[in-house]
Amino acid sequence: MESEEWIVLHWFNTHLREQWRGFCIRSYDKDQDTFRHYFLLLPCFLLALFIHERFTFKEVMWTFSLYLEAIAILPQLVLLQRTRNIDNLTGQYVFLLGCLL
């Protein structure tokens, strides 16, 4: 690619990132988000160490990611239960995400 194309792509990427950050800051409520997600990391990692197909770094990390993905919906469920502000679309999304697992 030419240097002008890189400059345009870099500017576009930076602009989108700033827009997204502003959206996330406006919609995030730190007082309601008190779920301690780091307590889920250690059990998932230990489970991946003991239950896997082969004992290789790649296999253990892949298994860890599967276990972590299976419980990733818990912080969202706790936050929705705490705020009791569940839109129809949000409730359907969380329900279908739980059915996927």
N, C-alpha and C. Protein backbone atom coordinates (compact mmCIF):
# COMPACT_ATOMS: atom_id res chain seq x y z
N MET A 1 0.84 -1.19 0.00
CA MET A 1 0.00 0.00 0.00
C MET A 1 0.88 1.25 0.00
N GLU A 2 0.33 2.27 -0.53
CA GLU A 2 1.03 3.55 -0.54
C GLU A 2 0.90 4.21 0.82
N SER A 3 1.78 5.14 1.09
CA SER A 3 1.78 5.80 2.39
C SER A 3 0.50 6.62 2.62
N GLU A 4 -0.07 7.17 1.56
CA GLU A 4 -1.31 7.94 1.72
C GLU A 4 -2.45 7.04 2.15
N GLU A 5 -2.48 5.83 1.61
CA GLU A 5 -3.54 4.89 2.00
C GLU A 5 -3.39 4.49 3.47
N TRP A 6 -2.16 4.29 3.91
CA TRP A 6 -1.92 3.96 5.31
C TRP A 6 -2.35 5.09 6.23
N ILE A 7 -2.09 6.31 5.82
CA ILE A 7 -2.48 7.46 6.63
C ILE A 7 -4.00 7.54 6.75
N VAL A 8 -4.69 7.33 5.65
CA VAL A 8 -6.16 7.38 5.66
C VAL A 8 -6.71 6.24 6.53
N LEU A 9 -6.18 5.03 6.37
CA LEU A 9 -6.65 3.91 7.17
C LEU A 9 -6.37 4.12 8.66
N HIS A 10 -5.21 4.65 8.96
CA HIS A 10 -4.87 4.92 10.37
C HIS A 10 -5.80 5.98 10.96
N TRP A 11 -6.07 7.04 10.21
CA TRP A 11 -6.98 8.07 10.70
C TRP A 11 -8.38 7.49 10.90
N PHE A 12 -8.86 6.70 9.95
CA PHE A 12 -10.20 6.12 10.05
C PHE A 12 -10.29 5.19 11.25
N ASN A 13 -9.26 4.37 11.47
CA ASN A 13 -9.25 3.46 12.60
C ASN A 13 -9.24 4.23 13.92
N THR A 14 -8.43 5.25 14.02
CA THR A 14 -8.36 6.06 15.23
C THR A 14 -9.69 6.77 15.49
N HIS A 15 -10.30 7.29 14.45
CA HIS A 15 -11.58 7.98 14.58
C HIS A 15 -12.66 7.01 15.08
N LEU A 16 -12.73 5.82 14.51
CA LEU A 16 -13.73 4.85 14.94
C LEU A 16 -13.49 4.41 16.39
N ARG A 17 -12.24 4.23 16.75
CA ARG A 17 -11.92 3.82 18.11
C ARG A 17 -12.34 4.90 19.12
N GLU A 18 -12.11 6.15 18.81
CA GLU A 18 -12.51 7.23 19.71
C GLU A 18 -14.02 7.33 19.83
N GLN A 19 -14.73 7.13 18.72
CA GLN A 19 -16.19 7.16 18.76
C GLN A 19 -16.72 6.02 19.62
N TRP A 20 -16.14 4.84 19.47
CA TRP A 20 -16.59 3.69 20.25
C TRP A 20 -16.29 3.87 21.73
N ARG A 21 -15.13 4.42 22.06
CA ARG A 21 -14.77 4.65 23.45
C ARG A 21 -15.75 5.63 24.09
N GLY A 22 -16.12 6.66 23.39
CA GLY A 22 -17.09 7.62 23.92
C GLY A 22 -18.43 6.98 24.18
N PHE A 23 -18.85 6.09 23.28
CA PHE A 23 -20.12 5.39 23.47
C PHE A 23 -20.05 4.49 24.69
N CYS A 24 -18.96 3.76 24.86
CA CYS A 24 -18.83 2.84 25.99
C CYS A 24 -18.78 3.58 27.31
N ILE A 25 -18.10 4.71 27.36
CA ILE A 25 -18.01 5.48 28.60
C ILE A 25 -19.38 6.02 28.98
N ARG A 26 -20.17 6.46 28.02
CA ARG A 26 -21.49 6.99 28.33
C ARG A 26 -22.46 5.91 28.80
N SER A 27 -22.30 4.68 28.31
CA SER A 27 -23.27 3.63 28.64
C SER A 27 -22.82 2.73 29.79
N TYR A 28 -21.65 2.96 30.37
CA TYR A 28 -21.13 2.10 31.43
C TYR A 28 -21.44 2.69 32.80
N ASP A 29 -21.97 1.87 33.68
CA ASP A 29 -22.31 2.29 35.04
C ASP A 29 -21.48 1.47 36.02
N LYS A 30 -20.42 2.07 36.54
CA LYS A 30 -19.48 1.36 37.42
C LYS A 30 -20.13 0.96 38.74
N ASP A 31 -21.11 1.70 39.21
CA ASP A 31 -21.75 1.37 40.48
C ASP A 31 -22.54 0.07 40.40
N GLN A 32 -23.11 -0.22 39.25
CA GLN A 32 -23.90 -1.44 39.08
C GLN A 32 -23.03 -2.65 38.72
N ASP A 33 -21.88 -2.41 38.14
CA ASP A 33 -21.03 -3.50 37.67
C ASP A 33 -20.05 -3.89 38.77
N THR A 34 -20.51 -4.75 39.68
CA THR A 34 -19.67 -5.16 40.82
C THR A 34 -19.33 -6.63 40.76
N PHE A 35 -19.59 -7.29 39.66
CA PHE A 35 -19.28 -8.72 39.55
C PHE A 35 -17.76 -8.90 39.50
N ARG A 36 -17.24 -9.76 40.34
CA ARG A 36 -15.79 -9.99 40.39
C ARG A 36 -15.44 -11.10 39.40
N HIS A 37 -15.22 -10.70 38.18
CA HIS A 37 -14.99 -11.67 37.10
C HIS A 37 -13.66 -12.40 37.23
N TYR A 38 -12.71 -11.84 37.94
CA TYR A 38 -11.42 -12.49 38.06
C TYR A 38 -11.51 -13.76 38.91
N PHE A 39 -12.57 -13.93 39.68
CA PHE A 39 -12.75 -15.18 40.42
C PHE A 39 -13.14 -16.33 39.50
N LEU A 40 -13.55 -16.03 38.29
CA LEU A 40 -13.90 -17.07 37.33
C LEU A 40 -12.70 -17.56 36.54
N LEU A 41 -11.64 -16.77 36.49
CA LEU A 41 -10.49 -17.14 35.68
C LEU A 41 -9.74 -18.34 36.25
N LEU A 42 -9.49 -18.35 37.54
CA LEU A 42 -8.71 -19.43 38.13
C LEU A 42 -9.43 -20.78 38.04
N PRO A 43 -10.73 -20.89 38.37
CA PRO A 43 -11.39 -22.19 38.21
C PRO A 43 -11.39 -22.68 36.76
N CYS A 44 -11.57 -21.78 35.82
CA CYS A 44 -11.55 -22.19 34.41
C CYS A 44 -10.17 -22.68 34.01
N PHE A 45 -9.13 -22.00 34.49
CA PHE A 45 -7.78 -22.42 34.15
C PHE A 45 -7.43 -23.76 34.79
N LEU A 46 -7.81 -23.95 36.05
CA LEU A 46 -7.55 -25.23 36.70
C LEU A 46 -8.32 -26.36 36.04
N LEU A 47 -9.53 -26.09 35.67
CA LEU A 47 -10.32 -27.10 34.97
C LEU A 47 -9.68 -27.45 33.63
N ALA A 48 -9.15 -26.46 32.94
CA ALA A 48 -8.47 -26.71 31.67
C ALA A 48 -7.19 -27.49 31.86
N LEU A 49 -6.52 -27.30 32.99
CA LEU A 49 -5.30 -28.06 33.26
C LEU A 49 -5.58 -29.54 33.50
N PHE A 50 -6.74 -29.83 34.10
CA PHE A 50 -7.05 -31.21 34.44
C PHE A 50 -7.91 -31.93 33.41
N ILE A 51 -8.74 -31.20 32.68
CA ILE A 51 -9.63 -31.83 31.70
C ILE A 51 -9.30 -31.26 30.33
N HIS A 52 -8.57 -32.01 29.55
CA HIS A 52 -8.17 -31.62 28.20
C HIS A 52 -7.88 -32.89 27.41
N GLU A 53 -7.69 -32.74 26.11
CA GLU A 53 -7.42 -33.89 25.27
C GLU A 53 -5.94 -34.28 25.29
N ARG A 54 -5.07 -33.31 25.12
CA ARG A 54 -3.62 -33.53 25.18
C ARG A 54 -3.02 -32.43 26.04
N PHE A 55 -1.93 -32.75 26.71
CA PHE A 55 -1.31 -31.76 27.59
C PHE A 55 -0.25 -30.98 26.81
N THR A 56 -0.73 -30.06 25.97
CA THR A 56 0.14 -29.12 25.28
C THR A 56 -0.35 -27.72 25.61
N PHE A 57 0.53 -26.75 25.44
CA PHE A 57 0.16 -25.37 25.76
C PHE A 57 -1.05 -24.93 24.93
N LYS A 58 -1.01 -25.22 23.65
CA LYS A 58 -2.09 -24.80 22.76
C LYS A 58 -3.41 -25.47 23.15
N GLU A 59 -3.39 -26.74 23.48
CA GLU A 59 -4.60 -27.45 23.84
C GLU A 59 -5.18 -26.96 25.17
N VAL A 60 -4.32 -26.70 26.14
CA VAL A 60 -4.79 -26.21 27.44
C VAL A 60 -5.38 -24.81 27.30
N MET A 61 -4.74 -23.94 26.52
CA MET A 61 -5.27 -22.59 26.31
C MET A 61 -6.59 -22.61 25.54
N TRP A 62 -6.70 -23.52 24.58
CA TRP A 62 -7.95 -23.64 23.82
C TRP A 62 -9.07 -24.12 24.74
N THR A 63 -8.78 -25.12 25.58
CA THR A 63 -9.77 -25.62 26.53
C THR A 63 -10.16 -24.54 27.54
N PHE A 64 -9.17 -23.78 28.01
CA PHE A 64 -9.43 -22.67 28.92
C PHE A 64 -10.38 -21.66 28.27
N SER A 65 -10.16 -21.36 27.01
CA SER A 65 -11.04 -20.39 26.33
C SER A 65 -12.46 -20.93 26.19
N LEU A 66 -12.60 -22.22 25.98
CA LEU A 66 -13.94 -22.81 25.89
C LEU A 66 -14.67 -22.72 27.22
N TYR A 67 -13.98 -23.05 28.31
CA TYR A 67 -14.61 -22.97 29.63
C TYR A 67 -14.94 -21.53 29.99
N LEU A 68 -14.07 -20.62 29.65
CA LEU A 68 -14.30 -19.21 29.95
C LEU A 68 -15.48 -18.67 29.14
N GLU A 69 -15.59 -19.11 27.90
CA GLU A 69 -16.70 -18.67 27.07
C GLU A 69 -18.03 -19.20 27.60
N ALA A 70 -17.99 -20.38 28.19
CA ALA A 70 -19.23 -20.97 28.72
C ALA A 70 -19.78 -20.18 29.89
N ILE A 71 -18.94 -19.52 30.67
CA ILE A 71 -19.43 -18.78 31.83
C ILE A 71 -19.36 -17.26 31.61
N ALA A 72 -19.03 -16.83 30.43
CA ALA A 72 -18.88 -15.40 30.17
C ALA A 72 -20.19 -14.64 30.28
N ILE A 73 -21.31 -15.32 30.23
CA ILE A 73 -22.60 -14.65 30.31
C ILE A 73 -22.98 -14.32 31.76
N LEU A 74 -22.31 -14.92 32.74
CA LEU A 74 -22.67 -14.70 34.14
C LEU A 74 -22.61 -13.23 34.57
N PRO A 75 -21.56 -12.47 34.25
CA PRO A 75 -21.58 -11.05 34.64
C PRO A 75 -22.74 -10.27 34.01
N GLN A 76 -23.10 -10.62 32.79
CA GLN A 76 -24.22 -9.94 32.15
C GLN A 76 -25.53 -10.27 32.85
N LEU A 77 -25.70 -11.52 33.22
CA LEU A 77 -26.92 -11.92 33.92
C LEU A 77 -27.04 -11.26 35.28
N VAL A 78 -25.93 -11.18 35.99
CA VAL A 78 -25.95 -10.53 37.31
C VAL A 78 -26.28 -9.05 37.16
N LEU A 79 -25.70 -8.39 36.18
CA LEU A 79 -25.97 -6.97 35.97
C LEU A 79 -27.42 -6.74 35.57
N LEU A 80 -27.96 -7.57 34.70
CA LEU A 80 -29.36 -7.42 34.31
C LEU A 80 -30.29 -7.67 35.49
N GLN A 81 -29.95 -8.63 36.34
CA GLN A 81 -30.79 -8.90 37.51
C GLN A 81 -30.72 -7.74 38.51
N ARG A 82 -29.54 -7.16 38.67
CA ARG A 82 -29.37 -6.07 39.63
C ARG A 82 -30.09 -4.80 39.19
N THR A 83 -29.98 -4.45 37.91
CA THR A 83 -30.59 -3.21 37.44
C THR A 83 -32.08 -3.33 37.20
N ARG A 84 -32.54 -4.53 36.93
CA ARG A 84 -33.96 -4.78 36.62
C ARG A 84 -34.44 -3.90 35.47
N ASN A 85 -33.54 -3.53 34.60
CA ASN A 85 -33.89 -2.73 33.43
C ASN A 85 -33.57 -3.56 32.18
N ILE A 86 -34.47 -4.46 31.86
CA ILE A 86 -34.24 -5.39 30.76
C ILE A 86 -35.14 -5.02 29.59
N ASP A 87 -34.52 -4.57 28.54
CA ASP A 87 -35.27 -4.31 27.31
C ASP A 87 -35.65 -5.65 26.68
N ASN A 88 -36.62 -5.62 25.79
CA ASN A 88 -37.06 -6.83 25.12
C ASN A 88 -35.92 -7.44 24.30
N LEU A 89 -35.22 -6.60 23.56
CA LEU A 89 -34.14 -7.08 22.71
C LEU A 89 -32.97 -7.60 23.55
N THR A 90 -32.67 -6.94 24.65
CA THR A 90 -31.57 -7.38 25.52
C THR A 90 -31.91 -8.72 26.16
N GLY A 91 -33.11 -8.88 26.62
CA GLY A 91 -33.53 -10.15 27.22
C GLY A 91 -33.47 -11.29 26.23
N GLN A 92 -33.92 -11.05 25.00
CA GLN A 92 -33.87 -12.09 23.98
C GLN A 92 -32.43 -12.43 23.61
N TYR A 93 -31.56 -11.41 23.56
CA TYR A 93 -30.15 -11.64 23.23
C TYR A 93 -29.48 -12.51 24.29
N VAL A 94 -29.69 -12.18 25.55
CA VAL A 94 -29.07 -12.94 26.62
C VAL A 94 -29.64 -14.35 26.67
N PHE A 95 -30.92 -14.51 26.44
CA PHE A 95 -31.54 -15.83 26.41
C PHE A 95 -30.96 -16.68 25.29
N LEU A 96 -30.86 -16.12 24.09
CA LEU A 96 -30.31 -16.88 22.97
C LEU A 96 -28.82 -17.16 23.14
N LEU A 97 -28.09 -16.24 23.76
CA LEU A 97 -26.67 -16.48 24.03
C LEU A 97 -26.51 -17.62 25.02
N GLY A 98 -27.39 -17.69 26.00
CA GLY A 98 -27.36 -18.81 26.95
C GLY A 98 -27.74 -20.11 26.30
N CYS A 99 -28.67 -20.09 25.35
CA CYS A 99 -29.05 -21.31 24.64
C CYS A 99 -27.93 -21.80 23.72
N LEU A 100 -27.11 -20.90 23.25
CA LEU A 100 -26.01 -21.26 22.36
C LEU A 100 -25.02 -22.15 23.08
N LEU A 101 -24.82 -21.92 24.34
CA LEU A 101 -23.84 -22.70 25.09
C LEU A 101 -24.43 -24.03 25.44
